[in-house]
């Protein structure tokens, strides 16, 4: 049943389903983040550094950040496709949104893994 819905016969369902999965991952990360925040002392820079020190937390944050960018891109894409009628403006805004989402992911990689 799900595989039939994910085929090319229903192209909107695939993005809808991926947006729901990314929303679920964001919600799970929020619960983990708030729970860890309760148990960690984050009054100083060293406290925040220790908060994000475990590799699993960095990996979970990166996956969540990718999901946030993807989730936002799908939402903005739907709004742009619904309300912007001028074709070239719509293509420009869709490309701008996609490029900025990719830039945000690389910015997150730069913050956590290169600094």
Protein backbone atom coordinates (compact mmCIF):
# COMPACT_ATOMS: atom_id res chain seq x y z
CA UNK A 1 0.00 0.00 0.00
CA UNK A 2 2.69 2.52 1.02
CA UNK A 3 4.93 1.47 -1.87
CA UNK A 4 2.07 2.11 -4.30
CA UNK A 5 1.64 5.61 -2.87
CA UNK A 6 5.37 6.36 -3.16
CA UNK A 7 5.48 5.62 -6.88
CA UNK A 8 5.28 8.18 -9.66
CA UNK A 9 1.51 7.80 -9.74
CA UNK A 10 1.20 10.04 -6.65
CA UNK A 11 4.16 12.48 -6.73
CA UNK A 12 2.83 14.81 -4.02
CA UNK A 13 2.55 12.01 -1.48
CA UNK A 14 6.29 11.36 -1.55
CA UNK A 15 7.13 14.91 -0.45
CA UNK A 16 4.27 14.94 2.06
CA UNK A 17 5.56 11.68 3.58
CA UNK A 18 9.17 12.93 3.70
CA UNK A 19 8.03 16.14 5.39
CA UNK A 20 6.22 14.11 8.05
CA UNK A 21 9.30 11.95 8.64
CA UNK A 22 11.53 15.02 8.95
CA UNK A 23 9.01 16.59 11.35
CA UNK A 24 9.12 13.43 13.47
CA UNK A 25 12.94 13.52 13.59
CA UNK A 26 12.83 17.20 14.59
CA UNK A 27 10.37 16.36 17.38
CA UNK A 28 12.54 13.50 18.67
CA UNK A 29 15.60 15.75 18.67
CA UNK A 30 13.66 18.42 20.57
CA UNK A 31 12.77 15.95 23.31
CA UNK A 32 16.36 14.69 23.56
CA UNK A 33 17.72 18.26 23.55
CA UNK A 34 15.37 19.45 26.32
CA UNK A 35 16.05 16.33 28.39
CA UNK A 36 19.83 16.74 28.10
CA UNK A 37 19.49 20.46 28.80
CA UNK A 38 17.87 19.62 32.12
CA UNK A 39 20.83 17.49 33.22
CA UNK A 40 23.72 19.60 31.94
CA UNK A 41 25.15 22.81 33.34
CA UNK A 42 25.09 25.22 30.40
CA UNK A 43 26.02 28.45 32.16
CA UNK A 44 29.34 28.78 30.38
CA UNK A 45 30.91 28.14 27.01
CA UNK A 46 32.62 25.03 28.37
CA UNK A 47 29.24 23.72 29.52
CA UNK A 48 27.81 24.12 26.02
CA UNK A 49 30.91 22.53 24.55
CA UNK A 50 30.48 19.54 26.85
CA UNK A 51 26.79 19.44 25.95
CA UNK A 52 27.59 18.88 22.27
CA UNK A 53 30.81 16.90 22.82
CA UNK A 54 29.52 13.33 22.27
CA UNK A 55 29.73 12.22 18.66
CA UNK A 56 26.18 10.86 18.72
CA UNK A 57 24.87 14.30 19.75
CA UNK A 58 26.78 15.99 16.92
CA UNK A 59 25.52 13.42 14.45
CA UNK A 60 21.95 13.76 15.70
CA UNK A 61 22.21 17.54 15.47
CA UNK A 62 23.52 17.32 11.90
CA UNK A 63 20.73 14.94 10.86
CA UNK A 64 18.17 17.20 12.52
CA UNK A 65 19.61 20.29 10.83
CA UNK A 66 19.39 18.56 7.45
CA UNK A 67 15.80 17.60 8.27
CA UNK A 68 14.99 21.20 9.28
CA UNK A 69 16.37 22.50 5.98
CA UNK A 70 14.54 19.82 4.00
CA UNK A 71 11.30 20.35 5.95
CA UNK A 72 11.48 24.09 5.41
CA UNK A 73 12.32 23.70 1.74
CA UNK A 74 9.27 21.51 1.13
CA UNK A 75 7.01 23.97 2.95
CA UNK A 76 8.38 27.03 1.17
CA UNK A 77 8.28 25.15 -2.15
CA UNK A 78 4.58 24.42 -1.71
CA UNK A 79 3.79 28.02 -0.80
CA UNK A 80 5.80 29.37 -3.75
CA UNK A 81 4.17 26.94 -6.19
CA UNK A 82 0.71 27.86 -4.89
CA UNK A 83 0.99 31.63 -4.79
CA UNK A 84 3.65 32.75 -7.29
CA UNK A 85 2.12 32.62 -10.76
CA UNK A 86 4.89 34.28 -12.77
CA UNK A 87 7.01 31.37 -14.01
CA UNK A 88 10.48 32.94 -13.97
CA UNK A 89 9.99 34.47 -10.54
CA UNK A 90 8.79 31.12 -9.22
CA UNK A 91 11.83 29.30 -10.65
CA UNK A 92 14.15 31.99 -9.24
CA UNK A 93 12.61 31.75 -5.76
CA UNK A 94 12.65 27.94 -5.79
CA UNK A 95 16.33 27.92 -6.74
CA UNK A 96 17.13 30.58 -4.16
CA UNK A 97 15.39 28.52 -1.47
CA UNK A 98 17.21 25.33 -2.47
CA UNK A 99 20.61 27.05 -2.58
CA UNK A 100 20.07 28.70 0.79
CA UNK A 101 19.04 25.37 2.35
CA UNK A 102 22.21 23.74 1.03
CA UNK A 103 24.26 26.70 2.30
CA UNK A 104 22.74 26.31 5.77
CA UNK A 105 23.75 22.63 5.86
CA UNK A 106 27.33 23.49 4.87
CA UNK A 107 27.37 26.28 7.45
CA UNK A 108 26.34 23.77 10.11
CA UNK A 109 29.11 21.40 8.98
CA UNK A 110 31.60 24.25 9.18
CA UNK A 111 30.50 25.20 12.69
CA UNK A 112 30.66 21.72 14.20
CA UNK A 113 33.31 19.88 12.29
CA UNK A 114 35.82 22.43 11.05
CA UNK A 115 36.05 24.77 14.00
